[in-house]
Structures are given as structure tokens and as C-alpha cells.
């Protein structure tokens, strides 16, 4: 069973990531602002399925691979640290683009909105970081079934992300106006996220914990 500290850690990181403007927020704001709240919630449905795809894949990976071949744990950890460093560099480099999208988009069918929400989330580097590099760090191999811990921690992330993104859909027009009018705030957010990712990469790479079979 997961500890309260592990759940709180995942919740804090999940909240920080979902509040930082990124691909999911950009897509949901642009669709909700251009096509209405219904379109935003259909798109959010696709985003939710994307979360579930990540959760199932990582849960199966942790239970079937990390426990059977512990050396892969360290390979994944180092890969995750390198990925975090790359994302930190990408966030800190000059030349950011607007994250709020273009409200002059054509209207799409519900099926296409759902598919685009799913694709956007599956290709979202922030979510890849959350599931590949972060959630495994909160799984304690000595605390019980690995797959159950992963599933529970992933569910915490999904609940927070969907709740915040639902509020984003409801307030899309106001959020877009706020972000467009404050480019300095966007830059500050980018720098803060880049610094946090860099520090997290160092922590992940230097963590000396070892996985064991549950």
C-alpha cells in the first residue's frame, strides 16, 4: 500500500505540472474558446483516455519488468533523468511561442475532438515525465504489490489533472485573455518549470534506492 507521503508527493507534482501551461492546456483552451465548452469536454475525454493508456502501460511495466529485471530500473531512472534535463533545457532556451493557440480554428466533429485530445496527451512530454520518470520514484518495492502502488499513484495524478483541466475548460475564455496579455508571466512560468525539472533530474539520477521483487 502506498504511504501518505508518496500520495502527497505525486499530488504536489501533478498539481504543479497541470497548472503549468503546456500542450493539454493549450489544446483545451483553444478548443473551448473557439468551439464552446461542450467541445472542450469532449476533448478532455480524449485527454482522460490518454492518461489511462499511460497508467496501464507503466503499471504493467513496473510489475512485470522492474520486479523481474531490477537492472532495468536503473536504466529507466537514468533515461528519465536525461529526459528531464532535456525538457529543462527546452523550457529555458530563448524563443518561446504562445501556448494559448489560435481561436480561429475550424469546428471539428466530436470524434475528431476526442481523437485530437487523446493524441495531444499521448504526445505531451509533461505526462511522459510524470509516468516514466516520476511515479516510479514514489513506488516503494518493499511496501507491497508494485502494480497496485503504481495504479493508485497514477489514479491520484489523473484525478487532479482532470479536475484542474475541467476548470480550464469552464474558464477558457478568461484564461486565454490573461495569458495573452501577460507574456512576462509566461516567461517566468517557463523559467520556473525549467529550473524545477533540472533539479528533479539531479535528484532522480542520484537516488540510490534499489527495487526488489514484491
N, C-alpha and C. Protein backbone atom coordinates (compact mmCIF):
# COMPACT_ATOMS: atom_id res chain seq x y z
N UNK A 1 0.85 -1.20 0.00
CA UNK A 1 0.00 0.00 0.00
C UNK A 1 0.88 1.25 0.00
N UNK A 2 0.44 2.26 -0.70
CA UNK A 2 1.24 3.48 -0.77
C UNK A 2 1.15 4.24 0.55
N UNK A 3 2.18 5.04 0.81
CA UNK A 3 2.17 5.86 2.01
C UNK A 3 1.53 7.21 1.71
N UNK A 4 1.15 7.92 2.77
CA UNK A 4 0.58 9.25 2.61
C UNK A 4 1.60 10.19 1.98
N UNK A 5 2.87 10.01 2.35
CA UNK A 5 3.92 10.87 1.79
C UNK A 5 4.04 10.66 0.28
N UNK A 6 3.94 9.41 -0.18
CA UNK A 6 4.03 9.13 -1.61
C UNK A 6 2.85 9.74 -2.35
N UNK A 7 1.64 9.58 -1.82
CA UNK A 7 0.45 10.15 -2.45
C UNK A 7 0.55 11.67 -2.49
N UNK A 8 1.02 12.27 -1.38
CA UNK A 8 1.15 13.72 -1.33
C UNK A 8 2.21 14.21 -2.31
N UNK A 9 3.29 13.45 -2.45
CA UNK A 9 4.34 13.82 -3.39
C UNK A 9 3.85 13.81 -4.82
N UNK A 10 3.15 12.75 -5.21
CA UNK A 10 2.60 12.67 -6.57
C UNK A 10 1.56 13.76 -6.78
N UNK A 11 0.72 14.00 -5.77
CA UNK A 11 -0.31 15.04 -5.89
C UNK A 11 0.32 16.41 -6.10
N UNK A 12 1.39 16.71 -5.36
CA UNK A 12 2.04 18.01 -5.48
C UNK A 12 2.66 18.19 -6.86
N UNK A 13 3.35 17.15 -7.33
CA UNK A 13 3.97 17.23 -8.66
C UNK A 13 2.90 17.33 -9.74
N UNK A 14 1.85 16.52 -9.61
CA UNK A 14 0.77 16.54 -10.59
C UNK A 14 0.11 17.90 -10.66
N UNK A 15 -0.12 18.50 -9.50
CA UNK A 15 -0.74 19.83 -9.47
C UNK A 15 0.18 20.87 -10.09
N UNK A 16 1.46 20.79 -9.78
CA UNK A 16 2.40 21.72 -10.37
C UNK A 16 2.47 21.62 -11.88
N UNK A 17 2.47 20.38 -12.38
CA UNK A 17 2.55 20.18 -13.83
C UNK A 17 1.28 20.63 -14.54
N UNK A 18 0.12 20.31 -13.97
CA UNK A 18 -1.13 20.65 -14.65
C UNK A 18 -1.39 22.15 -14.62
N UNK A 19 -0.86 22.85 -13.61
CA UNK A 19 -1.03 24.30 -13.54
C UNK A 19 -0.04 25.05 -14.41
N UNK A 20 1.00 24.37 -14.88
CA UNK A 20 1.98 24.99 -15.76
C UNK A 20 1.51 24.84 -17.20
N UNK A 21 1.32 25.94 -17.93
CA UNK A 21 0.80 25.84 -19.29
C UNK A 21 1.61 24.89 -20.15
N UNK A 22 0.93 24.03 -20.88
CA UNK A 22 1.56 23.04 -21.73
C UNK A 22 0.61 22.60 -22.83
N UNK A 23 0.93 21.51 -23.55
CA UNK A 23 0.11 21.08 -24.69
C UNK A 23 -1.35 20.83 -24.36
N UNK A 24 -1.64 20.14 -23.25
CA UNK A 24 -3.03 19.86 -22.91
C UNK A 24 -3.81 21.13 -22.64
N UNK A 25 -3.23 22.03 -21.83
CA UNK A 25 -3.91 23.29 -21.53
C UNK A 25 -4.12 24.10 -22.80
N UNK A 26 -3.09 24.18 -23.66
CA UNK A 26 -3.20 24.92 -24.91
C UNK A 26 -4.35 24.38 -25.76
N UNK A 27 -4.40 23.07 -25.90
CA UNK A 27 -5.44 22.47 -26.74
C UNK A 27 -6.83 22.71 -26.15
N UNK A 28 -6.98 22.48 -24.85
CA UNK A 28 -8.30 22.63 -24.24
C UNK A 28 -8.77 24.08 -24.27
N UNK A 29 -7.86 25.02 -24.03
CA UNK A 29 -8.25 26.43 -24.09
C UNK A 29 -8.65 26.82 -25.50
N UNK A 30 -7.84 26.43 -26.49
CA UNK A 30 -8.13 26.84 -27.87
C UNK A 30 -9.44 26.24 -28.36
N UNK A 31 -9.71 24.98 -28.04
CA UNK A 31 -10.95 24.35 -28.48
C UNK A 31 -12.16 24.90 -27.74
N UNK A 32 -12.03 25.09 -26.45
CA UNK A 32 -13.16 25.60 -25.68
C UNK A 32 -13.48 27.04 -26.06
N UNK A 33 -12.43 27.84 -26.33
CA UNK A 33 -12.64 29.24 -26.68
C UNK A 33 -13.21 29.38 -28.09
N UNK A 34 -12.86 28.47 -29.00
CA UNK A 34 -13.29 28.61 -30.39
C UNK A 34 -14.58 27.85 -30.69
N UNK A 35 -14.84 26.75 -29.96
CA UNK A 35 -15.97 25.89 -30.32
C UNK A 35 -16.93 25.64 -29.18
N UNK A 36 -16.65 26.16 -28.00
CA UNK A 36 -17.58 26.04 -26.89
C UNK A 36 -17.15 25.01 -25.86
N UNK A 37 -17.80 25.07 -24.71
CA UNK A 37 -17.45 24.20 -23.59
C UNK A 37 -17.71 22.74 -23.89
N UNK A 38 -18.75 22.43 -24.66
CA UNK A 38 -19.03 21.04 -24.99
C UNK A 38 -17.85 20.43 -25.73
N UNK A 39 -17.32 21.17 -26.70
CA UNK A 39 -16.16 20.69 -27.44
C UNK A 39 -14.97 20.51 -26.51
N UNK A 40 -14.84 21.42 -25.55
CA UNK A 40 -13.75 21.31 -24.59
C UNK A 40 -13.84 20.04 -23.76
N UNK A 41 -15.06 19.69 -23.33
CA UNK A 41 -15.21 18.48 -22.51
C UNK A 41 -15.05 17.21 -23.34
N UNK A 42 -15.46 17.24 -24.60
CA UNK A 42 -15.22 16.08 -25.47
C UNK A 42 -13.72 15.88 -25.63
N UNK A 43 -13.01 16.99 -25.85
CA UNK A 43 -11.55 16.92 -25.96
C UNK A 43 -10.93 16.40 -24.67
N UNK A 44 -11.48 16.83 -23.54
CA UNK A 44 -10.98 16.38 -22.24
C UNK A 44 -11.19 14.87 -22.08
N UNK A 45 -12.26 14.34 -22.66
CA UNK A 45 -12.46 12.89 -22.64
C UNK A 45 -11.30 12.17 -23.31
N UNK A 46 -10.83 12.69 -24.44
CA UNK A 46 -9.68 12.10 -25.10
C UNK A 46 -8.43 12.20 -24.25
N UNK A 47 -8.25 13.34 -23.59
CA UNK A 47 -7.12 13.52 -22.68
C UNK A 47 -7.16 12.48 -21.57
N UNK A 48 -8.36 12.23 -21.03
CA UNK A 48 -8.51 11.26 -19.94
C UNK A 48 -8.10 9.86 -20.39
N UNK A 49 -8.50 9.47 -21.59
CA UNK A 49 -8.11 8.15 -22.10
C UNK A 49 -6.59 8.07 -22.28
N UNK A 50 -5.99 9.19 -22.69
CA UNK A 50 -4.53 9.22 -22.79
C UNK A 50 -3.86 8.94 -21.45
N UNK A 51 -4.41 9.53 -20.38
CA UNK A 51 -3.87 9.25 -19.05
C UNK A 51 -3.97 7.76 -18.72
N UNK A 52 -5.12 7.16 -19.06
CA UNK A 52 -5.32 5.74 -18.76
C UNK A 52 -4.34 4.87 -19.55
N UNK A 53 -4.05 5.23 -20.79
CA UNK A 53 -3.08 4.48 -21.58
C UNK A 53 -1.71 4.51 -20.91
N UNK A 54 -1.29 5.69 -20.48
CA UNK A 54 -0.02 5.80 -19.77
C UNK A 54 -0.03 4.98 -18.49
N UNK A 55 -1.13 5.08 -17.74
CA UNK A 55 -1.21 4.40 -16.46
C UNK A 55 -1.11 2.88 -16.62
N UNK A 56 -1.86 2.33 -17.57
CA UNK A 56 -1.83 0.88 -17.79
C UNK A 56 -0.44 0.43 -18.24
N UNK A 57 0.15 1.18 -19.17
CA UNK A 57 1.46 0.81 -19.69
C UNK A 57 2.52 0.82 -18.59
N UNK A 58 2.53 1.87 -17.78
CA UNK A 58 3.53 1.97 -16.73
C UNK A 58 3.27 0.97 -15.62
N UNK A 59 1.99 0.73 -15.29
CA UNK A 59 1.67 -0.26 -14.26
C UNK A 59 2.15 -1.63 -14.67
N UNK A 60 1.88 -2.03 -15.89
CA UNK A 60 2.35 -3.33 -16.37
C UNK A 60 3.87 -3.39 -16.42
N UNK A 61 4.47 -2.26 -16.80
CA UNK A 61 5.92 -2.23 -16.88
C UNK A 61 6.58 -2.38 -15.52
N UNK A 62 6.03 -1.69 -14.52
CA UNK A 62 6.63 -1.77 -13.19
C UNK A 62 6.48 -3.17 -12.61
N UNK A 63 5.30 -3.75 -12.72
CA UNK A 63 5.07 -5.05 -12.10
C UNK A 63 5.79 -6.18 -12.82
N UNK A 64 5.82 -6.12 -14.17
CA UNK A 64 6.36 -7.24 -14.93
C UNK A 64 7.83 -7.11 -15.25
N UNK A 65 8.34 -5.89 -15.30
CA UNK A 65 9.72 -5.69 -15.73
C UNK A 65 10.63 -5.31 -14.57
N UNK A 66 10.29 -4.25 -13.83
CA UNK A 66 11.18 -3.80 -12.77
C UNK A 66 11.41 -4.88 -11.71
N UNK A 67 10.33 -5.61 -11.35
CA UNK A 67 10.48 -6.64 -10.33
C UNK A 67 11.28 -7.83 -10.85
N UNK A 68 11.13 -8.15 -12.14
CA UNK A 68 11.82 -9.30 -12.72
C UNK A 68 13.28 -8.98 -13.08
N UNK A 69 13.51 -7.77 -13.58
CA UNK A 69 14.86 -7.38 -14.01
C UNK A 69 15.20 -6.04 -13.35
N UNK A 70 15.70 -6.07 -12.12
CA UNK A 70 15.96 -4.82 -11.40
C UNK A 70 16.94 -3.88 -12.11
N UNK A 71 17.84 -4.43 -12.91
CA UNK A 71 18.82 -3.56 -13.60
C UNK A 71 18.13 -2.58 -14.54
N UNK A 72 16.95 -2.96 -15.06
CA UNK A 72 16.24 -2.05 -15.94
C UNK A 72 15.72 -0.83 -15.19
N UNK A 73 15.52 -0.99 -13.89
CA UNK A 73 15.08 0.15 -13.08
C UNK A 73 16.09 1.29 -13.17
N UNK A 74 17.36 0.93 -13.09
CA UNK A 74 18.39 1.96 -13.14
C UNK A 74 18.52 2.55 -14.54
N UNK A 75 18.32 1.72 -15.56
CA UNK A 75 18.36 2.24 -16.93
C UNK A 75 17.23 3.24 -17.16
N UNK A 76 16.03 2.89 -16.67
CA UNK A 76 14.89 3.79 -16.82
C UNK A 76 15.11 5.07 -16.02
N UNK A 77 15.70 4.93 -14.83
CA UNK A 77 15.94 6.10 -14.00
C UNK A 77 16.91 7.07 -14.67
N UNK A 78 18.00 6.54 -15.23
CA UNK A 78 18.97 7.41 -15.90
C UNK A 78 18.38 8.02 -17.17
N UNK A 79 17.59 7.22 -17.89
CA UNK A 79 16.92 7.75 -19.08
C UNK A 79 15.95 8.87 -18.70
N UNK A 80 15.21 8.64 -17.62
CA UNK A 80 14.28 9.67 -17.15
C UNK A 80 14.99 10.94 -16.73
N UNK A 81 16.16 10.78 -16.06
CA UNK A 81 16.93 11.96 -15.65
C UNK A 81 17.42 12.73 -16.87
N UNK A 82 17.88 12.01 -17.89
CA UNK A 82 18.35 12.67 -19.12
C UNK A 82 17.19 13.39 -19.81
N UNK A 83 16.03 12.75 -19.81
CA UNK A 83 14.85 13.36 -20.44
C UNK A 83 14.43 14.62 -19.70
N UNK A 84 14.50 14.57 -18.37
CA UNK A 84 14.17 15.74 -17.58
C UNK A 84 15.14 16.89 -17.87
N UNK A 85 16.41 16.58 -18.02
CA UNK A 85 17.39 17.61 -18.34
C UNK A 85 17.11 18.22 -19.71
N UNK A 86 16.73 17.36 -20.66
CA UNK A 86 16.40 17.87 -21.99
C UNK A 86 15.19 18.79 -21.95
N UNK A 87 14.17 18.42 -21.18
CA UNK A 87 13.00 19.26 -21.05
C UNK A 87 13.33 20.57 -20.34
N UNK A 88 14.24 20.48 -19.35
CA UNK A 88 14.66 21.70 -18.66
C UNK A 88 15.34 22.66 -19.63
N UNK A 89 16.23 22.13 -20.46
CA UNK A 89 16.91 22.97 -21.45
C UNK A 89 15.90 23.55 -22.44
N UNK A 90 14.96 22.73 -22.86
CA UNK A 90 13.96 23.20 -23.82
C UNK A 90 13.11 24.31 -23.21
N UNK A 91 12.80 24.20 -21.93
CA UNK A 91 11.98 25.22 -21.27
C UNK A 91 12.75 26.52 -21.08
N UNK A 92 14.05 26.42 -20.83
CA UNK A 92 14.85 27.60 -20.52
C UNK A 92 15.41 28.31 -21.74
N UNK A 93 15.44 27.64 -22.88
CA UNK A 93 16.05 28.28 -24.05
C UNK A 93 15.18 29.43 -24.54
N UNK A 94 15.79 30.43 -25.18
CA UNK A 94 15.03 31.58 -25.68
C UNK A 94 14.09 31.19 -26.82
N UNK A 95 13.14 32.06 -27.08
CA UNK A 95 12.29 31.88 -28.26
C UNK A 95 11.05 31.07 -28.00
N UNK A 96 10.32 31.34 -26.89
CA UNK A 96 9.09 30.61 -26.61
C UNK A 96 7.97 31.08 -27.53
N UNK A 97 7.04 30.18 -27.77
CA UNK A 97 5.87 30.52 -28.57
C UNK A 97 4.65 30.60 -27.67
N UNK A 98 3.63 31.25 -28.17
CA UNK A 98 2.39 31.35 -27.40
C UNK A 98 1.82 29.98 -27.12
N UNK A 99 1.33 29.77 -25.93
CA UNK A 99 0.77 28.47 -25.57
C UNK A 99 -0.74 28.45 -25.67
N UNK A 100 -1.32 29.53 -26.05
CA UNK A 100 -2.77 29.60 -25.97
C UNK A 100 -3.45 29.31 -27.29
N UNK A 101 -2.67 29.11 -28.33
CA UNK A 101 -3.26 28.68 -29.58
C UNK A 101 -4.02 29.77 -30.31
N UNK A 102 -4.70 29.36 -31.35
CA UNK A 102 -5.44 30.27 -32.22
C UNK A 102 -6.91 29.95 -32.12
N UNK A 103 -7.70 30.95 -31.71
CA UNK A 103 -9.13 30.67 -31.58
C UNK A 103 -9.83 30.62 -32.93
N UNK A 104 -9.15 30.98 -34.01
CA UNK A 104 -9.77 30.93 -35.32
C UNK A 104 -9.71 29.56 -35.96
N UNK A 105 -9.92 28.52 -35.20
CA UNK A 105 -9.85 27.16 -35.70
C UNK A 105 -11.19 26.73 -36.30
N UNK A 106 -11.14 25.84 -37.30
CA UNK A 106 -12.40 25.31 -37.81
C UNK A 106 -13.07 24.41 -36.78
N UNK A 107 -14.40 24.30 -36.87
CA UNK A 107 -15.11 23.41 -35.96
C UNK A 107 -14.92 21.98 -36.40
N UNK A 108 -14.71 21.09 -35.43
CA UNK A 108 -14.49 19.69 -35.72
C UNK A 108 -15.59 18.85 -35.09
N UNK A 109 -15.73 17.63 -35.59
CA UNK A 109 -16.71 16.71 -35.05
C UNK A 109 -16.26 16.23 -33.68
N UNK A 110 -17.21 15.65 -32.93
CA UNK A 110 -16.88 15.14 -31.60
C UNK A 110 -15.82 14.05 -31.70
N UNK A 111 -15.91 13.19 -32.71
CA UNK A 111 -14.92 12.12 -32.86
C UNK A 111 -13.53 12.69 -33.06
N UNK A 112 -13.43 13.72 -33.89
CA UNK A 112 -12.11 14.32 -34.15
C UNK A 112 -11.60 15.06 -32.91
N UNK A 113 -12.48 15.74 -32.21
CA UNK A 113 -12.08 16.42 -30.98
C UNK A 113 -11.52 15.43 -29.96
N UNK A 114 -12.21 14.30 -29.81
CA UNK A 114 -11.77 13.27 -28.87
C UNK A 114 -10.41 12.71 -29.29
N UNK A 115 -10.27 12.42 -30.59
CA UNK A 115 -9.02 11.86 -31.09
C UNK A 115 -7.86 12.83 -30.92
N UNK A 116 -8.12 14.10 -31.16
CA UNK A 116 -7.05 15.09 -31.01
C UNK A 116 -6.68 15.28 -29.54
N UNK A 117 -7.66 15.22 -28.65
CA UNK A 117 -7.36 15.29 -27.22
C UNK A 117 -6.51 14.11 -26.78
N UNK A 118 -6.84 12.91 -27.27
CA UNK A 118 -6.06 11.71 -26.96
C UNK A 118 -4.64 11.83 -27.48
N UNK A 119 -4.51 12.23 -28.75
CA UNK A 119 -3.18 12.35 -29.35
C UNK A 119 -2.34 13.41 -28.66
N UNK A 120 -2.95 14.54 -28.36
CA UNK A 120 -2.22 15.61 -27.68
C UNK A 120 -1.66 15.14 -26.35
N UNK A 121 -2.45 14.37 -25.61
CA UNK A 121 -1.98 13.90 -24.31
C UNK A 121 -0.91 12.83 -24.45
N UNK A 122 -1.08 11.91 -25.40
CA UNK A 122 -0.08 10.86 -25.58
C UNK A 122 1.27 11.43 -26.00
N UNK A 123 1.25 12.55 -26.71
CA UNK A 123 2.49 13.17 -27.17
C UNK A 123 2.96 14.30 -26.25
N UNK A 124 2.31 14.44 -25.11
CA UNK A 124 2.63 15.51 -24.16
C UNK A 124 3.86 15.12 -23.33
N UNK A 125 4.98 15.84 -23.48
CA UNK A 125 6.19 15.45 -22.73
C UNK A 125 6.02 15.56 -21.22
N UNK A 126 5.16 16.47 -20.76
CA UNK A 126 4.96 16.60 -19.31
C UNK A 126 4.34 15.33 -18.74
N UNK A 127 3.42 14.72 -19.47
CA UNK A 127 2.78 13.50 -18.98
C UNK A 127 3.74 12.33 -19.07
N UNK A 128 4.56 12.30 -20.12
CA UNK A 128 5.58 11.26 -20.21
C UNK A 128 6.52 11.32 -19.02
N UNK A 129 6.91 12.54 -18.64
CA UNK A 129 7.77 12.71 -17.46
C UNK A 129 7.07 12.18 -16.22
N UNK A 130 5.79 12.53 -16.07
CA UNK A 130 5.06 12.14 -14.87
C UNK A 130 5.03 10.63 -14.71
N UNK A 131 4.76 9.91 -15.79
CA UNK A 131 4.58 8.47 -15.67
C UNK A 131 5.87 7.68 -15.81
N UNK A 132 6.80 8.14 -16.64
CA UNK A 132 8.02 7.38 -16.88
C UNK A 132 9.10 7.71 -15.85
N UNK A 133 9.20 8.98 -15.46
CA UNK A 133 10.31 9.39 -14.60
C UNK A 133 9.91 9.66 -13.16
N UNK A 134 8.66 10.03 -12.90
CA UNK A 134 8.30 10.49 -11.57
C UNK A 134 7.55 9.45 -10.75
N UNK A 135 6.44 8.94 -11.26
CA UNK A 135 5.65 8.00 -10.48
C UNK A 135 6.47 6.79 -10.01
N UNK A 136 7.33 6.21 -10.87
CA UNK A 136 8.16 5.09 -10.37
C UNK A 136 9.03 5.45 -9.18
N UNK A 137 9.40 6.73 -9.04
CA UNK A 137 10.24 7.13 -7.91
C UNK A 137 9.47 7.10 -6.59
N UNK A 138 8.15 7.12 -6.64
CA UNK A 138 7.34 7.09 -5.42
C UNK A 138 6.85 5.68 -5.09
N UNK A 139 7.19 4.72 -5.93
CA UNK A 139 6.82 3.33 -5.67
C UNK A 139 7.88 2.70 -4.78
N UNK A 140 7.45 2.14 -3.67
CA UNK A 140 8.37 1.52 -2.71
C UNK A 140 8.32 0.00 -2.90
N UNK A 141 9.38 -0.61 -3.44
CA UNK A 141 9.35 -2.05 -3.70
C UNK A 141 9.12 -2.90 -2.46
N UNK A 142 9.39 -2.35 -1.28
CA UNK A 142 9.22 -3.13 -0.05
C UNK A 142 7.85 -2.92 0.60
N UNK A 143 6.98 -2.12 -0.04
CA UNK A 143 5.71 -1.75 0.59
C UNK A 143 4.51 -2.50 0.01
N UNK A 144 4.76 -3.55 -0.75
CA UNK A 144 3.63 -4.31 -1.28
C UNK A 144 3.66 -4.43 -2.79
N UNK A 145 2.52 -4.78 -3.37
CA UNK A 145 2.42 -5.02 -4.80
C UNK A 145 2.78 -3.77 -5.60
N UNK A 146 3.72 -3.92 -6.51
CA UNK A 146 4.17 -2.78 -7.30
C UNK A 146 3.07 -2.26 -8.21
N UNK A 147 2.32 -3.16 -8.83
CA UNK A 147 1.30 -2.73 -9.78
C UNK A 147 0.18 -1.96 -9.07
N UNK A 148 -0.14 -2.37 -7.83
CA UNK A 148 -1.20 -1.69 -7.08
C UNK A 148 -0.75 -0.30 -6.65
N UNK A 149 0.51 -0.17 -6.22
CA UNK A 149 1.03 1.14 -5.87
C UNK A 149 1.02 2.07 -7.09
N UNK A 150 1.49 1.54 -8.22
CA UNK A 150 1.53 2.35 -9.44
C UNK A 150 0.13 2.78 -9.86
N UNK A 151 -0.82 1.85 -9.79
CA UNK A 151 -2.19 2.15 -10.17
C UNK A 151 -2.80 3.21 -9.26
N UNK A 152 -2.55 3.11 -7.96
CA UNK A 152 -3.09 4.06 -7.01
C UNK A 152 -2.48 5.45 -7.20
N UNK A 153 -1.16 5.51 -7.35
CA UNK A 153 -0.49 6.79 -7.54
C UNK A 153 -0.90 7.43 -8.86
N UNK A 154 -1.04 6.62 -9.90
CA UNK A 154 -1.50 7.15 -11.18
C UNK A 154 -2.90 7.68 -11.10
N UNK A 155 -3.75 7.03 -10.30
CA UNK A 155 -5.13 7.49 -10.13
C UNK A 155 -5.17 8.84 -9.43
N UNK A 156 -4.25 9.06 -8.49
CA UNK A 156 -4.16 10.36 -7.83
C UNK A 156 -3.84 11.44 -8.87
N UNK A 157 -2.86 11.16 -9.72
CA UNK A 157 -2.49 12.12 -10.76
C UNK A 157 -3.65 12.40 -11.71
N UNK A 158 -4.34 11.35 -12.14
CA UNK A 158 -5.44 11.52 -13.09
C UNK A 158 -6.56 12.35 -12.48
N UNK A 159 -6.91 12.08 -11.22
CA UNK A 159 -7.99 12.82 -10.56
C UNK A 159 -7.66 14.32 -10.50
N UNK A 160 -6.43 14.64 -10.14
CA UNK A 160 -6.04 16.05 -10.05
C UNK A 160 -6.01 16.70 -11.42
N UNK A 161 -5.43 16.01 -12.39
CA UNK A 161 -5.32 16.57 -13.73
C UNK A 161 -6.69 16.81 -14.36
N UNK A 162 -7.60 15.86 -14.22
CA UNK A 162 -8.92 16.04 -14.82
C UNK A 162 -9.72 17.14 -14.12
N UNK A 163 -9.59 17.24 -12.79
CA UNK A 163 -10.31 18.29 -12.07
C UNK A 163 -9.83 19.67 -12.52
N UNK A 164 -8.52 19.85 -12.59
CA UNK A 164 -7.98 21.15 -12.99
C UNK A 164 -8.32 21.44 -14.45
N UNK A 165 -8.18 20.45 -15.32
CA UNK A 165 -8.46 20.67 -16.74
C UNK A 165 -9.95 20.94 -16.98
N UNK A 166 -10.83 20.37 -16.16
CA UNK A 166 -12.25 20.68 -16.29
C UNK A 166 -12.49 22.16 -15.97
N UNK A 167 -11.79 22.67 -14.96
CA UNK A 167 -11.91 24.09 -14.64
C UNK A 167 -11.33 24.95 -15.76
N UNK A 168 -10.28 24.46 -16.41
CA UNK A 168 -9.69 25.17 -17.55
C UNK A 168 -10.72 25.29 -18.67
N UNK A 169 -11.44 24.22 -18.95
CA UNK A 169 -12.47 24.24 -19.99
C UNK A 169 -13.55 25.27 -19.64
N UNK A 170 -13.98 25.28 -18.39
CA UNK A 170 -15.04 26.19 -17.97
C UNK A 170 -14.61 27.65 -18.03
N UNK A 171 -13.32 27.90 -17.81
CA UNK A 171 -12.82 29.28 -17.76
C UNK A 171 -11.90 29.60 -18.93
N UNK A 172 -12.08 28.90 -20.06
CA UNK A 172 -11.14 29.00 -21.18
C UNK A 172 -10.99 30.43 -21.69
N UNK A 173 -12.09 31.14 -21.86
CA UNK A 173 -12.01 32.49 -22.40
C UNK A 173 -11.20 33.43 -21.51
N UNK A 174 -11.45 33.37 -20.23
CA UNK A 174 -10.74 34.24 -19.29
C UNK A 174 -9.27 33.88 -19.20
N UNK A 175 -8.96 32.57 -19.21
CA UNK A 175 -7.57 32.14 -19.12
C UNK A 175 -6.79 32.58 -20.35
N UNK A 176 -7.40 32.46 -21.51
CA UNK A 176 -6.71 32.84 -22.74
C UNK A 176 -6.39 34.35 -22.73
N UNK A 177 -7.35 35.16 -22.32
CA UNK A 177 -7.13 36.60 -22.27
C UNK A 177 -6.02 36.95 -21.27
N UNK A 178 -6.00 36.27 -20.14
CA UNK A 178 -4.98 36.51 -19.12
C UNK A 178 -3.58 36.20 -19.66
N UNK A 179 -3.42 35.04 -20.31
CA UNK A 179 -2.11 34.62 -20.78
C UNK A 179 -1.62 35.48 -21.94
N UNK A 180 -2.51 35.83 -22.85
CA UNK A 180 -2.11 36.67 -24.00
C UNK A 180 -1.65 38.03 -23.52
N UNK A 181 -2.27 38.56 -22.49
CA UNK A 181 -1.95 39.91 -22.00
C UNK A 181 -0.72 39.94 -21.11
N UNK A 182 -0.16 38.78 -20.74
CA UNK A 182 0.94 38.76 -19.78
C UNK A 182 2.08 37.86 -20.27
N UNK A 183 2.81 38.28 -21.32
CA UNK A 183 3.93 37.47 -21.80
C UNK A 183 5.04 37.31 -20.76
N UNK A 184 5.24 38.31 -19.89
CA UNK A 184 6.28 38.21 -18.86
C UNK A 184 5.93 37.10 -17.87
N UNK A 185 4.64 36.94 -17.56
CA UNK A 185 4.21 35.87 -16.66
C UNK A 185 4.48 34.51 -17.27
N UNK A 186 4.25 34.39 -18.58
CA UNK A 186 4.53 33.14 -19.27
C UNK A 186 6.02 32.79 -19.22
N UNK A 187 6.88 33.81 -19.41
CA UNK A 187 8.32 33.56 -19.35
C UNK A 187 8.74 33.13 -17.96
N UNK A 188 8.18 33.76 -16.94
CA UNK A 188 8.51 33.38 -15.56
C UNK A 188 8.10 31.95 -15.28
N UNK A 189 6.92 31.54 -15.77
CA UNK A 189 6.46 30.18 -15.60
C UNK A 189 7.42 29.20 -16.27
N UNK A 190 7.88 29.57 -17.47
CA UNK A 190 8.77 28.70 -18.22
C UNK A 190 10.10 28.52 -17.49
N UNK A 191 10.65 29.63 -16.97
CA UNK A 191 11.92 29.56 -16.25
C UNK A 191 11.79 28.74 -14.96
N UNK A 192 10.68 28.95 -14.26
CA UNK A 192 10.46 28.19 -13.02
C UNK A 192 10.35 26.70 -13.30
N UNK A 193 9.62 26.35 -14.37
CA UNK A 193 9.46 24.95 -14.71
C UNK A 193 10.78 24.34 -15.14
N UNK A 194 11.57 25.08 -15.94
CA UNK A 194 12.86 24.57 -16.38
C UNK A 194 13.80 24.31 -15.22
N UNK A 195 13.83 25.24 -14.26
CA UNK A 195 14.69 25.07 -13.09
C UNK A 195 14.24 23.87 -12.26
N UNK A 196 12.93 23.73 -12.06
CA UNK A 196 12.40 22.61 -11.28
C UNK A 196 12.72 21.28 -11.95
N UNK A 197 12.60 21.21 -13.27
CA UNK A 197 12.91 19.98 -14.00
C UNK A 197 14.39 19.63 -13.88
N UNK A 198 15.24 20.64 -13.95
CA UNK A 198 16.67 20.39 -13.83
C UNK A 198 17.03 19.84 -12.46
N UNK A 199 16.49 20.44 -11.41
CA UNK A 199 16.75 19.96 -10.05
C UNK A 199 16.21 18.54 -9.86
N UNK A 200 15.04 18.29 -10.44
CA UNK A 200 14.45 16.97 -10.32
C UNK A 200 15.29 15.92 -11.04
N UNK A 201 15.87 16.30 -12.18
CA UNK A 201 16.73 15.38 -12.91
C UNK A 201 17.93 14.96 -12.06
N UNK A 202 18.52 15.91 -11.34
CA UNK A 202 19.64 15.59 -10.47
C UNK A 202 19.20 14.65 -9.36
N UNK A 203 18.04 14.91 -8.77
CA UNK A 203 17.54 14.06 -7.68
C UNK A 203 17.29 12.63 -8.18
N UNK A 204 16.66 12.52 -9.35
CA UNK A 204 16.37 11.19 -9.90
C UNK A 204 17.66 10.43 -10.18
N UNK A 205 18.65 11.11 -10.76
CA UNK A 205 19.90 10.44 -11.14
C UNK A 205 20.71 10.00 -9.94
N UNK A 206 20.61 10.74 -8.83
CA UNK A 206 21.43 10.43 -7.66
C UNK A 206 20.71 9.60 -6.61
N UNK A 207 19.45 9.28 -6.85
CA UNK A 207 18.71 8.45 -5.89
C UNK A 207 19.29 7.05 -5.88
N UNK A 208 19.66 6.57 -4.70
CA UNK A 208 20.30 5.27 -4.60
C UNK A 208 19.38 4.12 -4.24
N UNK A 209 18.07 4.29 -4.30
CA UNK A 209 17.15 3.21 -3.94
C UNK A 209 17.23 2.08 -4.95
N UNK A 210 16.95 0.87 -4.47
CA UNK A 210 17.04 -0.33 -5.31
C UNK A 210 15.71 -1.07 -5.30
N UNK A 211 15.23 -1.49 -6.46
CA UNK A 211 13.97 -2.25 -6.49
C UNK A 211 14.19 -3.71 -6.12
N UNK A 212 13.18 -4.31 -5.45
CA UNK A 212 13.23 -5.74 -5.16
C UNK A 212 11.87 -6.32 -5.54
N UNK A 213 11.81 -7.61 -5.67
CA UNK A 213 10.54 -8.25 -6.04
C UNK A 213 9.54 -8.11 -4.91
N UNK A 214 8.30 -7.78 -5.31
CA UNK A 214 7.25 -7.62 -4.30
C UNK A 214 6.53 -8.92 -4.05
